[in-house]
Amino acid sequence: MDALYVNESLLQSVVLTGIVGCGCAWQTGHSIALTWRPIEQVVVGAVLLAAAVRFLHFALFEEPLFAPPTTLFEIVCLCIAGAIGWRTTRARQMVRQYYWLYEANGPLGWRPRQDGASKAG
């Protein structure tokens, strides 16, 4: 982590990238899933958010604005957070909207109901 952020402490990096950036990415993934859009749009949102987070590091802590390893690290972190937000929302949507077909299978998944064939037919 020290090699990625030159002028920041670990706490500053975690707060800005981890809490603020990943929180926004999770909300972005959630919003994209609510409108039934594909997960590929989460990547676009994560790249745009990474540019904003990178600018905040630059403006607040005098980090280099264009640092490829740090930018790539932030994009990956934001993509993961956005994908988790997208997947949890999509799993809830599938179980809630198609309750006669699917049941929850953990926080990130769903499965066909065991009695779904008898109710559908």
PDB file of N, CA and C in Angstrom:
ATOM      1  N   MET A   1       0.827  -1.187   0.000  1.00  0.00           N
ATOM      2  CA  MET A   1       0.000   0.000   0.000  1.00  0.00           C
ATOM      3  C   MET A   1       0.874   1.253   0.000  1.00  0.00           C
ATOM      4  N   ASP A   2       2.034   1.196   0.672  1.00  0.00           N
ATOM      5  CA  ASP A   2       2.908   2.358   0.722  1.00  0.00           C
ATOM      6  C   ASP A   2       3.442   2.725  -0.654  1.00  0.00           C
ATOM      7  N   ALA A   3       3.665   1.730  -1.503  1.00  0.00           N
ATOM      8  CA  ALA A   3       4.181   2.021  -2.840  1.00  0.00           C
ATOM      9  C   ALA A   3       3.112   2.654  -3.727  1.00  0.00           C
ATOM     10  N   LEU A   4       1.858   2.414  -3.432  1.00  0.00           N
ATOM     11  CA  LEU A   4       0.784   2.971  -4.253  1.00  0.00           C
ATOM     12  C   LEU A   4       0.504   4.435  -3.915  1.00  0.00           C
ATOM     13  N   TYR A   5       0.512   4.760  -2.646  1.00  0.00           N
ATOM     14  CA  TYR A   5       0.184   6.113  -2.212  1.00  0.00           C
ATOM     15  C   TYR A   5       1.413   6.717  -1.536  1.00  0.00           C
ATOM     16  N   VAL A   6       1.995   7.728  -2.149  1.00  0.00           N
ATOM     17  CA  VAL A   6       3.265   8.283  -1.692  1.00  0.00           C
ATOM     18  C   VAL A   6       3.081   9.253  -0.531  1.00  0.00           C
ATOM     19  N   ASN A   7       2.139  10.170  -0.626  1.00  0.00           N
ATOM     20  CA  ASN A   7       1.992  11.254   0.349  1.00  0.00           C
ATOM     21  C   ASN A   7       0.891  11.035   1.366  1.00  0.00           C
ATOM     22  N   GLU A   8       0.291   9.850   1.393  1.00  0.00           N
ATOM     23  CA  GLU A   8      -0.842   9.603   2.272  1.00  0.00           C
ATOM     24  C   GLU A   8      -0.511   8.551   3.303  1.00  0.00           C
ATOM     25  N   SER A   9      -1.202   8.636   4.428  1.00  0.00           N
ATOM     26  CA  SER A   9      -1.107   7.561   5.409  1.00  0.00           C
ATOM     27  C   SER A   9      -2.049   6.434   4.979  1.00  0.00           C
ATOM     28  N   LEU A  10      -1.896   5.309   5.608  1.00  0.00           N
ATOM     29  CA  LEU A  10      -2.758   4.169   5.304  1.00  0.00           C
ATOM     30  C   LEU A  10      -4.214   4.494   5.617  1.00  0.00           C
ATOM     31  N   LEU A  11      -4.451   5.184   6.713  1.00  0.00           N
ATOM     32  CA  LEU A  11      -5.813   5.549   7.095  1.00  0.00           C
ATOM     33  C   LEU A  11      -6.464   6.458   6.057  1.00  0.00           C
ATOM     34  N   GLN A  12      -5.735   7.430   5.560  1.00  0.00           N
ATOM     35  CA  GLN A  12      -6.288   8.331   4.537  1.00  0.00           C
ATOM     36  C   GLN A  12      -6.623   7.560   3.269  1.00  0.00           C
ATOM     37  N   SER A  13      -5.766   6.649   2.873  1.00  0.00           N
ATOM     38  CA  SER A  13      -6.009   5.851   1.667  1.00  0.00           C
ATOM     39  C   SER A  13      -7.220   4.954   1.832  1.00  0.00           C
ATOM     40  N   VAL A  14      -7.322   4.325   2.995  1.00  0.00           N
ATOM     41  CA  VAL A  14      -8.452   3.420   3.240  1.00  0.00           C
ATOM     42  C   VAL A  14      -9.762   4.193   3.273  1.00  0.00           C
ATOM     43  N   VAL A  15      -9.766   5.352   3.916  1.00  0.00           N
ATOM     44  CA  VAL A  15     -11.000   6.137   3.998  1.00  0.00           C
ATOM     45  C   VAL A  15     -11.433   6.606   2.617  1.00  0.00           C
ATOM     46  N   LEU A  16     -10.503   7.175   1.856  1.00  0.00           N
ATOM     47  CA  LEU A  16     -10.883   7.744   0.565  1.00  0.00           C
ATOM     48  C   LEU A  16     -11.196   6.680  -0.475  1.00  0.00           C
ATOM     49  N   THR A  17     -10.315   5.711  -0.646  1.00  0.00           N
ATOM     50  CA  THR A  17     -10.555   4.679  -1.660  1.00  0.00           C
ATOM     51  C   THR A  17     -11.524   3.621  -1.153  1.00  0.00           C
ATOM     52  N   GLY A  18     -11.295   3.136   0.056  1.00  0.00           N
ATOM     53  CA  GLY A  18     -12.090   2.025   0.565  1.00  0.00           C
ATOM     54  C   GLY A  18     -13.494   2.394   0.958  1.00  0.00           C
ATOM     55  N   ILE A  19     -13.640   3.431   1.749  1.00  0.00           N
ATOM     56  CA  ILE A  19     -14.974   3.757   2.257  1.00  0.00           C
ATOM     57  C   ILE A  19     -15.739   4.648   1.284  1.00  0.00           C
ATOM     58  N   VAL A  20     -15.149   5.771   0.899  1.00  0.00           N
ATOM     59  CA  VAL A  20     -15.857   6.698   0.012  1.00  0.00           C
ATOM     60  C   VAL A  20     -15.984   6.118  -1.400  1.00  0.00           C
ATOM     61  N   GLY A  21     -14.860   5.718  -1.987  1.00  0.00           N
ATOM     62  CA  GLY A  21     -14.876   5.221  -3.365  1.00  0.00           C
ATOM     63  C   GLY A  21     -15.674   3.942  -3.526  1.00  0.00           C
ATOM     64  N   CYS A  22     -15.387   2.949  -2.678  1.00  0.00           N
ATOM     65  CA  CYS A  22     -16.096   1.671  -2.795  1.00  0.00           C
ATOM     66  C   CYS A  22     -17.563   1.802  -2.391  1.00  0.00           C
ATOM     67  N   GLY A  23     -17.861   2.696  -1.460  1.00  0.00           N
ATOM     68  CA  GLY A  23     -19.264   2.940  -1.122  1.00  0.00           C
ATOM     69  C   GLY A  23     -20.034   3.509  -2.295  1.00  0.00           C
ATOM     70  N   CYS A  24     -19.425   4.459  -2.991  1.00  0.00           N
ATOM     71  CA  CYS A  24     -20.065   5.014  -4.191  1.00  0.00           C
ATOM     72  C   CYS A  24     -20.180   3.966  -5.293  1.00  0.00           C
ATOM     73  N   ALA A  25     -19.175   3.123  -5.428  1.00  0.00           N
ATOM     74  CA  ALA A  25     -19.214   2.061  -6.447  1.00  0.00           C
ATOM     75  C   ALA A  25     -20.317   1.060  -6.128  1.00  0.00           C
ATOM     76  N   TRP A  26     -20.473   0.721  -4.849  1.00  0.00           N
ATOM     77  CA  TRP A  26     -21.541  -0.201  -4.465  1.00  0.00           C
ATOM     78  C   TRP A  26     -22.901   0.400  -4.814  1.00  0.00           C
ATOM     79  N   GLN A  27     -23.081   1.678  -4.520  1.00  0.00           N
ATOM     80  CA  GLN A  27     -24.339   2.349  -4.850  1.00  0.00           C
ATOM     81  C   GLN A  27     -24.565   2.414  -6.356  1.00  0.00           C
ATOM     82  N   THR A  28     -23.485   2.603  -7.109  1.00  0.00           N
ATOM     83  CA  THR A  28     -23.583   2.609  -8.568  1.00  0.00           C
ATOM     84  C   THR A  28     -24.047   1.249  -9.070  1.00  0.00           C
ATOM     85  N   GLY A  29     -23.440   0.177  -8.570  1.00  0.00           N
ATOM     86  CA  GLY A  29     -23.861  -1.172  -8.957  1.00  0.00           C
ATOM     87  C   GLY A  29     -25.299  -1.445  -8.570  1.00  0.00           C
ATOM     88  N   HIS A  30     -25.694  -0.993  -7.409  1.00  0.00           N
ATOM     89  CA  HIS A  30     -27.071  -1.144  -6.937  1.00  0.00           C
ATOM     90  C   HIS A  30     -28.041  -0.433  -7.886  1.00  0.00           C
ATOM     91  N   SER A  31     -27.720   0.790  -8.249  1.00  0.00           N
ATOM     92  CA  SER A  31     -28.596   1.569  -9.136  1.00  0.00           C
ATOM     93  C   SER A  31     -28.678   0.955 -10.528  1.00  0.00           C
ATOM     94  N   ILE A  32     -27.572   0.460 -11.020  1.00  0.00           N
ATOM     95  CA  ILE A  32     -27.567  -0.175 -12.345  1.00  0.00           C
ATOM     96  C   ILE A  32     -28.420  -1.433 -12.324  1.00  0.00           C
ATOM     97  N   ALA A  33     -28.333  -2.213 -11.256  1.00  0.00           N
ATOM     98  CA  ALA A  33     -29.142  -3.429 -11.162  1.00  0.00           C
ATOM     99  C   ALA A  33     -30.619  -3.107 -11.016  1.00  0.00           C
ATOM    100  N   LEU A  34     -30.948  -2.040 -10.284  1.00  0.00           N
ATOM    101  CA  LEU A  34     -32.359  -1.682 -10.105  1.00  0.00           C
ATOM    102  C   LEU A  34     -33.048  -1.365 -11.428  1.00  0.00           C
ATOM    103  N   THR A  35     -32.295  -0.874 -12.384  1.00  0.00           N
ATOM    104  CA  THR A  35     -32.876  -0.543 -13.690  1.00  0.00           C
ATOM    105  C   THR A  35     -32.687  -1.680 -14.695  1.00  0.00           C
ATOM    106  N   TRP A  36     -32.316  -2.857 -14.206  1.00  0.00           N
ATOM    107  CA  TRP A  36     -32.172  -4.071 -15.002  1.00  0.00           C
ATOM    108  C   TRP A  36     -31.154  -3.929 -16.130  1.00  0.00           C
ATOM    109  N   ARG A  37     -30.143  -3.101 -15.918  1.00  0.00           N
ATOM    110  CA  ARG A  37     -29.082  -2.963 -16.917  1.00  0.00           C
ATOM    111  C   ARG A  37     -27.994  -4.005 -16.661  1.00  0.00           C
ATOM    112  N   PRO A  38     -27.198  -4.328 -17.690  1.00  0.00           N
ATOM    113  CA  PRO A  38     -26.196  -5.396 -17.539  1.00  0.00           C
ATOM    114  C   PRO A  38     -25.010  -4.967 -16.670  1.00  0.00           C
ATOM    115  N   ILE A  39     -24.289  -5.955 -16.178  1.00  0.00           N
ATOM    116  CA  ILE A  39     -23.168  -5.709 -15.278  1.00  0.00           C
ATOM    117  C   ILE A  39     -22.014  -4.994 -15.982  1.00  0.00           C
ATOM    118  N   GLU A  40     -21.952  -5.048 -17.295  1.00  0.00           N
ATOM    119  CA  GLU A  40     -20.888  -4.347 -18.025  1.00  0.00           C
ATOM    120  C   GLU A  40     -20.910  -2.848 -17.749  1.00  0.00           C
ATOM    121  N   GLN A  41     -22.084  -2.317 -17.455  1.00  0.00           N
ATOM    122  CA  GLN A  41     -22.176  -0.889 -17.172  1.00  0.00           C
ATOM    123  C   GLN A  41     -21.571  -0.528 -15.820  1.00  0.00           C
ATOM    124  N   VAL A  42     -21.413  -1.516 -14.951  1.00  0.00           N
ATOM    125  CA  VAL A  42     -20.743  -1.282 -13.674  1.00  0.00           C
ATOM    126  C   VAL A  42     -19.279  -0.927 -13.925  1.00  0.00           C
ATOM    127  N   VAL A  43     -18.664  -1.567 -14.908  1.00  0.00           N
ATOM    128  CA  VAL A  43     -17.258  -1.285 -15.228  1.00  0.00           C
ATOM    129  C   VAL A  43     -17.105   0.158 -15.698  1.00  0.00           C
ATOM    130  N   VAL A  44     -18.010   0.614 -16.538  1.00  0.00           N
ATOM    131  CA  VAL A  44     -17.965   2.005 -17.012  1.00  0.00           C
ATOM    132  C   VAL A  44     -18.104   2.967 -15.829  1.00  0.00           C
ATOM    133  N   GLY A  45     -19.052   2.683 -14.954  1.00  0.00           N
ATOM    134  CA  GLY A  45     -19.233   3.517 -13.774  1.00  0.00           C
ATOM    135  C   GLY A  45     -18.019   3.491 -12.858  1.00  0.00           C
ATOM    136  N   ALA A  46     -17.395   2.328 -12.723  1.00  0.00           N
ATOM    137  CA  ALA A  46     -16.221   2.205 -11.855  1.00  0.00           C
ATOM    138  C   ALA A  46     -15.033   2.984 -12.409  1.00  0.00           C
ATOM    139  N   VAL A  47     -14.870   2.989 -13.709  1.00  0.00           N
ATOM    140  CA  VAL A  47     -13.774   3.751 -14.312  1.00  0.00           C
ATOM    141  C   VAL A  47     -13.984   5.248 -14.096  1.00  0.00           C
ATOM    142  N   LEU A  48     -15.206   5.710 -14.259  1.00  0.00           N
ATOM    143  CA  LEU A  48     -15.496   7.123 -14.018  1.00  0.00           C
ATOM    144  C   LEU A  48     -15.317   7.488 -12.546  1.00  0.00           C
ATOM    145  N   LEU A  49     -15.757   6.608 -11.656  1.00  0.00           N
ATOM    146  CA  LEU A  49     -15.560   6.851 -10.234  1.00  0.00           C
ATOM    147  C   LEU A  49     -14.084   6.826  -9.858  1.00  0.00           C
ATOM    148  N   ALA A  50     -13.309   5.954 -10.491  1.00  0.00           N
ATOM    149  CA  ALA A  50     -11.875   5.897 -10.209  1.00  0.00           C
ATOM    150  C   ALA A  50     -11.200   7.209 -10.599  1.00  0.00           C
ATOM    151  N   ALA A  51     -11.664   7.813 -11.687  1.00  0.00           N
ATOM    152  CA  ALA A  51     -11.110   9.115 -12.074  1.00  0.00           C
ATOM    153  C   ALA A  51     -11.438  10.169 -11.008  1.00  0.00           C
ATOM    154  N   ALA A  52     -12.633  10.115 -10.472  1.00  0.00           N
ATOM    155  CA  ALA A  52     -13.017  11.067  -9.426  1.00  0.00           C
ATOM    156  C   ALA A  52     -12.232  10.825  -8.136  1.00  0.00           C
ATOM    157  N   VAL A  53     -12.075   9.567  -7.763  1.00  0.00           N
ATOM    158  CA  VAL A  53     -11.318   9.233  -6.549  1.00  0.00           C
ATOM    159  C   VAL A  53      -9.857   9.627  -6.730  1.00  0.00           C
ATOM    160  N   ARG A  54      -9.324   9.390  -7.915  1.00  0.00           N
ATOM    161  CA  ARG A  54      -7.942   9.773  -8.205  1.00  0.00           C
ATOM    162  C   ARG A  54      -7.766  11.288  -8.065  1.00  0.00           C
ATOM    163  N   PHE A  55      -8.744  12.048  -8.560  1.00  0.00           N
ATOM    164  CA  PHE A  55      -8.681  13.499  -8.438  1.00  0.00           C
ATOM    165  C   PHE A  55      -8.731  13.924  -6.971  1.00  0.00           C
ATOM    166  N   LEU A  56      -9.556  13.265  -6.169  1.00  0.00           N
ATOM    167  CA  LEU A  56      -9.616  13.599  -4.748  1.00  0.00           C
ATOM    168  C   LEU A  56      -8.281  13.331  -4.055  1.00  0.00           C
ATOM    169  N   HIS A  57      -7.626  12.233  -4.402  1.00  0.00           N
ATOM    170  CA  HIS A  57      -6.292  11.964  -3.844  1.00  0.00           C
ATOM    171  C   HIS A  57      -5.323  13.084  -4.247  1.00  0.00           C
ATOM    172  N   PHE A  58      -5.419  13.504  -5.479  1.00  0.00           N
ATOM    173  CA  PHE A  58      -4.558  14.567  -5.995  1.00  0.00           C
ATOM    174  C   PHE A  58      -4.839  15.895  -5.296  1.00  0.00           C
ATOM    175  N   ALA A  59      -6.105  16.256  -5.194  1.00  0.00           N
ATOM    176  CA  ALA A  59      -6.476  17.564  -4.644  1.00  0.00           C
ATOM    177  C   ALA A  59      -6.289  17.645  -3.132  1.00  0.00           C
ATOM    178  N   LEU A  60      -6.586  16.578  -2.425  1.00  0.00           N
ATOM    179  CA  LEU A  60      -6.526  16.630  -0.966  1.00  0.00           C
ATOM    180  C   LEU A  60      -5.153  16.304  -0.390  1.00  0.00           C
ATOM    181  N   PHE A  61      -4.449  15.376  -1.015  1.00  0.00           N
ATOM    182  CA  PHE A  61      -3.222  14.868  -0.412  1.00  0.00           C
ATOM    183  C   PHE A  61      -1.998  15.004  -1.314  1.00  0.00           C
ATOM    184  N   GLU A  62      -2.121  15.746  -2.413  1.00  0.00           N
ATOM    185  CA  GLU A  62      -1.025  16.009  -3.338  1.00  0.00           C
ATOM    186  C   GLU A  62      -0.394  14.735  -3.897  1.00  0.00           C
ATOM    187  N   GLU A  63      -1.210  13.747  -4.134  1.00  0.00           N
ATOM    188  CA  GLU A  63      -0.754  12.531  -4.802  1.00  0.00           C
ATOM    189  C   GLU A  63      -0.605  12.825  -6.287  1.00  0.00           C
ATOM    190  N   PRO A  64       0.214  12.068  -7.002  1.00  0.00           N
ATOM    191  CA  PRO A  64       0.285  12.250  -8.454  1.00  0.00           C
ATOM    192  C   PRO A  64      -1.077  11.949  -9.094  1.00  0.00           C
ATOM    193  N   LEU A  65      -1.481  12.778 -10.033  1.00  0.00           N
ATOM    194  CA  LEU A  65      -2.792  12.595 -10.662  1.00  0.00           C
ATOM    195  C   LEU A  65      -2.810  11.384 -11.581  1.00  0.00           C
ATOM    196  N   PHE A  66      -1.776  11.210 -12.377  1.00  0.00           N
ATOM    197  CA  PHE A  66      -1.705  10.084 -13.312  1.00  0.00           C
ATOM    198  C   PHE A  66      -0.649   9.094 -12.831  1.00  0.00           C
ATOM    199  N   ALA A  67      -1.047   8.182 -11.998  1.00  0.00           N
ATOM    200  CA  ALA A  67      -0.171   7.122 -11.503  1.00  0.00           C
ATOM    201  C   ALA A  67      -0.794   5.792 -11.926  1.00  0.00           C
ATOM    202  N   PRO A  68      -0.305   5.182 -13.010  1.00  0.00           N
ATOM    203  CA  PRO A  68      -0.952   3.974 -13.548  1.00  0.00           C
ATOM    204  C   PRO A  68      -1.167   2.832 -12.547  1.00  0.00           C
ATOM    205  N   PRO A  69      -0.178   2.460 -11.715  1.00  0.00           N
ATOM    206  CA  PRO A  69      -0.447   1.349 -10.791  1.00  0.00           C
ATOM    207  C   PRO A  69      -1.555   1.676  -9.786  1.00  0.00           C
ATOM    208  N   THR A  70      -1.547   2.894  -9.277  1.00  0.00           N
ATOM    209  CA  THR A  70      -2.563   3.298  -8.303  1.00  0.00           C
ATOM    210  C   THR A  70      -3.932   3.389  -8.958  1.00  0.00           C
ATOM    211  N   THR A  71      -3.982   3.940 -10.152  1.00  0.00           N
ATOM    212  CA  THR A  71      -5.255   4.045 -10.867  1.00  0.00           C
ATOM    213  C   THR A  71      -5.821   2.666 -11.163  1.00  0.00           C
ATOM    214  N   LEU A  72      -4.970   1.745 -11.598  1.00  0.00           N
ATOM    215  CA  LEU A  72      -5.420   0.382 -11.877  1.00  0.00           C
ATOM    216  C   LEU A  72      -5.925  -0.296 -10.605  1.00  0.00           C
ATOM    217  N   PHE A  73      -5.214  -0.103  -9.497  1.00  0.00           N
ATOM    218  CA  PHE A  73      -5.645  -0.660  -8.216  1.00  0.00           C
ATOM    219  C   PHE A  73      -7.024  -0.122  -7.825  1.00  0.00           C
ATOM    220  N   GLU A  74      -7.223   1.175  -7.994  1.00  0.00           N
ATOM    221  CA  GLU A  74      -8.510   1.775  -7.633  1.00  0.00           C
ATOM    222  C   GLU A  74      -9.625   1.295  -8.555  1.00  0.00           C
ATOM    223  N   ILE A  75      -9.338   1.155  -9.841  1.00  0.00           N
ATOM    224  CA  ILE A  75     -10.357   0.648 -10.772  1.00  0.00           C
ATOM    225  C   ILE A  75     -10.779  -0.759 -10.378  1.00  0.00           C
ATOM    226  N   VAL A  76      -9.813  -1.607 -10.050  1.00  0.00           N
ATOM    227  CA  VAL A  76     -10.127  -2.984  -9.656  1.00  0.00           C
ATOM    228  C   VAL A  76     -10.965  -3.003  -8.375  1.00  0.00           C
ATOM    229  N   CYS A  77     -10.561  -2.214  -7.380  1.00  0.00           N
ATOM    230  CA  CYS A  77     -11.326  -2.158  -6.117  1.00  0.00           C
ATOM    231  C   CYS A  77     -12.753  -1.680  -6.365  1.00  0.00           C
ATOM    232  N   LEU A  78     -12.906  -0.645  -7.168  1.00  0.00           N
ATOM    233  CA  LEU A  78     -14.240  -0.098  -7.428  1.00  0.00           C
ATOM    234  C   LEU A  78     -15.075  -1.048  -8.280  1.00  0.00           C
ATOM    235  N   CYS A  79     -14.454  -1.759  -9.207  1.00  0.00           N
ATOM    236  CA  CYS A  79     -15.191  -2.755 -10.002  1.00  0.00           C
ATOM    237  C   CYS A  79     -15.708  -3.882  -9.115  1.00  0.00           C
ATOM    238  N   ILE A  80     -14.876  -4.337  -8.181  1.00  0.00           N
ATOM    239  CA  ILE A  80     -15.302  -5.406  -7.275  1.00  0.00           C
ATOM    240  C   ILE A  80     -16.462  -4.934  -6.401  1.00  0.00           C
ATOM    241  N   ALA A  81     -16.335  -3.748  -5.817  1.00  0.00           N
ATOM    242  CA  ALA A  81     -17.416  -3.223  -4.976  1.00  0.00           C
ATOM    243  C   ALA A  81     -18.693  -3.013  -5.788  1.00  0.00           C
ATOM    244  N   GLY A  82     -18.572  -2.480  -6.993  1.00  0.00           N
ATOM    245  CA  GLY A  82     -19.740  -2.274  -7.845  1.00  0.00           C
ATOM    246  C   GLY A  82     -20.392  -3.580  -8.256  1.00  0.00           C
ATOM    247  N   ALA A  83     -19.571  -4.585  -8.563  1.00  0.00           N
ATOM    248  CA  ALA A  83     -20.118  -5.891  -8.956  1.00  0.00           C
ATOM    249  C   ALA A  83     -20.844  -6.562  -7.794  1.00  0.00           C
ATOM    250  N   ILE A  84     -20.323  -6.409  -6.586  1.00  0.00           N
ATOM    251  CA  ILE A  84     -21.011  -6.975  -5.420  1.00  0.00           C
ATOM    252  C   ILE A  84     -22.336  -6.255  -5.188  1.00  0.00           C
ATOM    253  N   GLY A  85     -22.335  -4.938  -5.313  1.00  0.00           N
ATOM    254  CA  GLY A  85     -23.583  -4.192  -5.184  1.00  0.00           C
ATOM    255  C   GLY A  85     -24.602  -4.586  -6.238  1.00  0.00           C
ATOM    256  N   TRP A  86     -24.119  -4.790  -7.462  1.00  0.00           N
ATOM    257  CA  TRP A  86     -24.998  -5.197  -8.564  1.00  0.00           C
ATOM    258  C   TRP A  86     -25.580  -6.580  -8.297  1.00  0.00           C
ATOM    259  N   ARG A  87     -24.718  -7.502  -7.875  1.00  0.00           N
ATOM    260  CA  ARG A  87     -25.142  -8.893  -7.701  1.00  0.00           C
ATOM    261  C   ARG A  87     -26.108  -9.058  -6.525  1.00  0.00           C
ATOM    262  N   THR A  88     -25.852  -8.378  -5.415  1.00  0.00           N
ATOM    263  CA  THR A  88     -26.769  -8.502  -4.277  1.00  0.00           C
ATOM    264  C   THR A  88     -28.144  -7.932  -4.620  1.00  0.00           C
ATOM    265  N   THR A  89     -28.144  -6.832  -5.346  1.00  0.00           N
ATOM    266  CA  THR A  89     -29.420  -6.228  -5.756  1.00  0.00           C
ATOM    267  C   THR A  89     -30.140  -7.120  -6.748  1.00  0.00           C
ATOM    268  N   ARG A  90     -29.412  -7.681  -7.706  1.00  0.00           N
ATOM    269  CA  ARG A  90     -30.040  -8.555  -8.704  1.00  0.00           C
ATOM    270  C   ARG A  90     -30.590  -9.813  -8.050  1.00  0.00           C
ATOM    271  N   ALA A  91     -29.885 -10.359  -7.074  1.00  0.00           N
ATOM    272  CA  ALA A  91     -30.382 -11.555  -6.380  1.00  0.00           C
ATOM    273  C   ALA A  91     -31.682 -11.236  -5.636  1.00  0.00           C
ATOM    274  N   ARG A  92     -31.721 -10.095  -4.963  1.00  0.00           N
ATOM    275  CA  ARG A  92     -32.952  -9.699  -4.272  1.00  0.00           C
ATOM    276  C   ARG A  92     -34.093  -9.468  -5.259  1.00  0.00           C
ATOM    277  N   GLN A  93     -33.778  -8.869  -6.414  1.00  0.00           N
ATOM    278  CA  GLN A  93     -34.816  -8.622  -7.423  1.00  0.00           C
ATOM    279  C   GLN A  93     -35.399  -9.935  -7.930  1.00  0.00           C
ATOM    280  N   MET A  94     -34.548 -10.873  -8.235  1.00  0.00           N
ATOM    281  CA  MET A  94     -35.024 -12.134  -8.804  1.00  0.00           C
ATOM    282  C   MET A  94     -35.908 -12.883  -7.810  1.00  0.00           C
ATOM    283  N   VAL A  95     -35.502 -12.883  -6.541  1.00  0.00           N
ATOM    284  CA  VAL A  95     -36.282 -13.598  -5.530  1.00  0.00           C
ATOM    285  C   VAL A  95     -37.584 -12.869  -5.233  1.00  0.00           C
ATOM    286  N   ARG A  96     -37.547 -11.547  -5.195  1.00  0.00           N
ATOM    287  CA  ARG A  96     -38.738 -10.770  -4.874  1.00  0.00           C
ATOM    288  C   ARG A  96     -39.726 -10.718  -6.036  1.00  0.00           C
ATOM    289  N   GLN A  97     -39.221 -10.490  -7.241  1.00  0.00           N
ATOM    290  CA  GLN A  97     -40.122 -10.317  -8.377  1.00  0.00           C
ATOM    291  C   GLN A  97     -40.625 -11.651  -8.925  1.00  0.00           C
ATOM    292  N   TYR A  98     -39.804 -12.673  -8.870  1.00  0.00           N
ATOM    293  CA  TYR A  98     -40.183 -13.987  -9.396  1.00  0.00           C
ATOM    294  C   TYR A  98     -40.205 -15.007  -8.258  1.00  0.00           C
ATOM    295  N   TYR A  99     -40.938 -14.683  -7.209  1.00  0.00           N
ATOM    296  CA  TYR A  99     -40.952 -15.517  -6.007  1.00  0.00           C
ATOM    297  C   TYR A  99     -41.498 -16.912  -6.265  1.00  0.00           C
ATOM    298  N   TRP A 100     -42.329 -17.101  -7.282  1.00  0.00           N
ATOM    299  CA  TRP A 100     -42.872 -18.414  -7.574  1.00  0.00           C
ATOM    300  C   TRP A 100     -41.869 -19.275  -8.346  1.00  0.00           C
ATOM    301  N   LEU A 101     -40.804 -18.650  -8.899  1.00  0.00           N
ATOM    302  CA  LEU A 101     -39.792 -19.409  -9.636  1.00  0.00           C
ATOM    303  C   LEU A 101     -38.484 -19.605  -8.877  1.00  0.00           C
ATOM    304  N   TYR A 102     -38.083 -18.583  -8.103  1.00  0.00           N
ATOM    305  CA  TYR A 102     -36.761 -18.605  -7.476  1.00  0.00           C
ATOM    306  C   TYR A 102     -36.834 -18.392  -5.980  1.00  0.00           C
ATOM    307  N   GLU A 103     -35.822 -18.943  -5.299  1.00  0.00           N
ATOM    308  CA  GLU A 103     -35.637 -18.712  -3.880  1.00  0.00           C
ATOM    309  C   GLU A 103     -34.199 -18.281  -3.647  1.00  0.00           C
ATOM    310  N   ALA A 104     -33.973 -17.609  -2.542  1.00  0.00           N
ATOM    311  CA  ALA A 104     -32.634 -17.110  -2.237  1.00  0.00           C
ATOM    312  C   ALA A 104     -31.664 -18.263  -2.030  1.00  0.00           C
ATOM    313  N   ASN A 105     -30.447 -18.048  -2.503  1.00  0.00           N
ATOM    314  CA  ASN A 105     -29.373 -19.003  -2.309  1.00  0.00           C
ATOM    315  C   ASN A 105     -28.155 -18.209  -1.837  1.00  0.00           C
ATOM    316  N   GLY A 106     -28.232 -17.670  -0.638  1.00  0.00           N
ATOM    317  CA  GLY A 106     -27.181 -16.810  -0.124  1.00  0.00           C
ATOM    318  C   GLY A 106     -27.429 -15.371  -0.548  1.00  0.00           C
ATOM    319  N   PRO A 107     -26.564 -14.453  -0.114  1.00  0.00           N
ATOM    320  CA  PRO A 107     -26.780 -13.043  -0.432  1.00  0.00           C
ATOM    321  C   PRO A 107     -26.487 -12.683  -1.888  1.00  0.00           C
ATOM    322  N   LEU A 108     -25.758 -13.527  -2.594  1.00  0.00           N
ATOM    323  CA  LEU A 108     -25.384 -13.197  -3.974  1.00  0.00           C
ATOM    324  C   LEU A 108     -26.054 -14.071  -5.016  1.00  0.00           C
ATOM    325  N   GLY A 109     -26.927 -14.954  -4.629  1.00  0.00           N
ATOM    326  CA  GLY A 109     -27.473 -15.863  -5.631  1.00  0.00           C
ATOM    327  C   GLY A 109     -28.922 -16.238  -5.412  1.00  0.00           C
ATOM    328  N   TRP A 110     -29.439 -16.963  -6.365  1.00  0.00           N
ATOM    329  CA  TRP A 110     -30.788 -17.489  -6.311  1.00  0.00           C
ATOM    330  C   TRP A 110     -30.780 -18.826  -7.028  1.00  0.00           C
ATOM    331  N   ARG A 111     -31.783 -19.624  -6.758  1.00  0.00           N
ATOM    332  CA  ARG A 111     -31.887 -20.935  -7.403  1.00  0.00           C
ATOM    333  C   ARG A 111     -33.355 -21.204  -7.699  1.00  0.00           C
ATOM    334  N   PRO A 112     -33.617 -22.096  -8.631  1.00  0.00           N
ATOM    335  CA  PRO A 112     -35.024 -22.442  -8.903  1.00  0.00           C
ATOM    336  C   PRO A 112     -35.667 -23.085  -7.681  1.00  0.00           C
ATOM    337  N   ARG A 113     -36.906 -22.765  -7.472  1.00  0.00           N
ATOM    338  CA  ARG A 113     -37.651 -23.351  -6.350  1.00  0.00           C
ATOM    339  C   ARG A 113     -37.809 -24.848  -6.594  1.00  0.00           C
ATOM    340  N   GLN A 114     -37.794 -25.597  -5.522  1.00  0.00           N
ATOM    341  CA  GLN A 114     -37.983 -27.039  -5.640  1.00  0.00           C
ATOM    342  C   GLN A 114     -39.426 -27.364  -6.032  1.00  0.00           C
ATOM    343  N   ASP A 115     -40.364 -26.549  -5.592  1.00  0.00           N
ATOM    344  CA  ASP A 115     -41.763 -26.760  -5.934  1.00  0.00           C
ATOM    345  C   ASP A 115     -42.222 -25.836  -7.060  1.00  0.00           C
ATOM    346  N   GLY A 116     -41.294 -25.206  -7.779  1.00  0.00           N
ATOM    347  CA  GLY A 116     -41.619 -24.247  -8.835  1.00  0.00           C
ATOM    348  C   GLY A 116     -42.341 -24.852 -10.014  1.00  0.00           C
ATOM    349  N   ALA A 117     -42.031 -26.102 -10.345  1.00  0.00           N
ATOM    350  CA  ALA A 117     -42.662 -26.742 -11.499  1.00  0.00           C
ATOM    351  C   ALA A 117     -44.149 -26.988 -11.253  1.00  0.00           C
ATOM    352  N   SER A 118     -44.501 -27.343 -10.029  1.00  0.00           N
ATOM    353  CA  SER A 118     -45.910 -27.603  -9.749  1.00  0.00           C
ATOM    354  C   SER A 118     -46.747 -26.327  -9.730  1.00  0.00           C
ATOM    355  N   LYS A 119     -46.150 -25.206  -9.288  1.00  0.00           N
ATOM    356  CA  LYS A 119     -46.888 -23.946  -9.253  1.00  0.00           C
ATOM    357  C   LYS A 119     -46.970 -23.302 -10.633  1.00  0.00           C
ATOM    358  N   ALA A 120     -45.938 -23.488 -11.455  1.00  0.00           N
ATOM    359  CA  ALA A 120     -45.920 -22.852 -12.776  1.00  0.00           C
ATOM    360  C   ALA A 120     -46.886 -23.540 -13.727  1.00  0.00           C
ATOM    361  N   GLY A 121     -47.084 -24.826 -13.552  1.00  0.00           N
ATOM    362  CA  GLY A 121     -47.879 -25.599 -14.487  1.00  0.00           C
ATOM    363  C   GLY A 121     -49.282 -25.577 -14.195  1.00  0.00           C
TER     364      GLY A 121
END
